[in-house]
Amino acid sequence: MPQNKVVVKYQDGTIKKGETRDFQPNKDTFHLQQLENDDEITTIVMDKLKAVFFVKAFTGNKDYNEIYEDVVAGGGRKVQVKFFDGEIMIGYAQVFMPKRSGFFIIPADKKSNNERIYVVSSATDSVRFV
């Protein structure tokens, strides 16, 4: 199974970066090999998370403001996700079912460092189609 570069954001604001081989949205946990901590492997508990960001590179541009105007062919329906911490993201979701523990979105900004984002439903204030 290939390694995925991920940035894990917890609901309390904690951030961890690393690689995973066993992320599955229907599982309660996955493992993160933290590159910052001598390749320490940590078990990540999904219900404590805000989102899992599958990134192109770990060196993103903090000053970049995403512009959510791109169309992602085959990406599904365009959604706006508002998290309890006030952050808003816009992307495309193939499947969104409110009762599921989470869902994937593809950012509506092709220049984003994020390839896709797994949104944990319990961390959202609202999700609406736009």
Foldseek 3Di string as FASTA:
>chain_A
DDWFWKWWAFLVGDIFTAIFDDDDQVDQWGWGQGPVPVRDIDIDGLVRTQKIFRFPDPDFDPPDDADQAADDVPQAFWKWWAFPVGDIFIFGFNDDDLVGQWGKGAGSGPVGRGRIMIGGNVGTPDMDTD
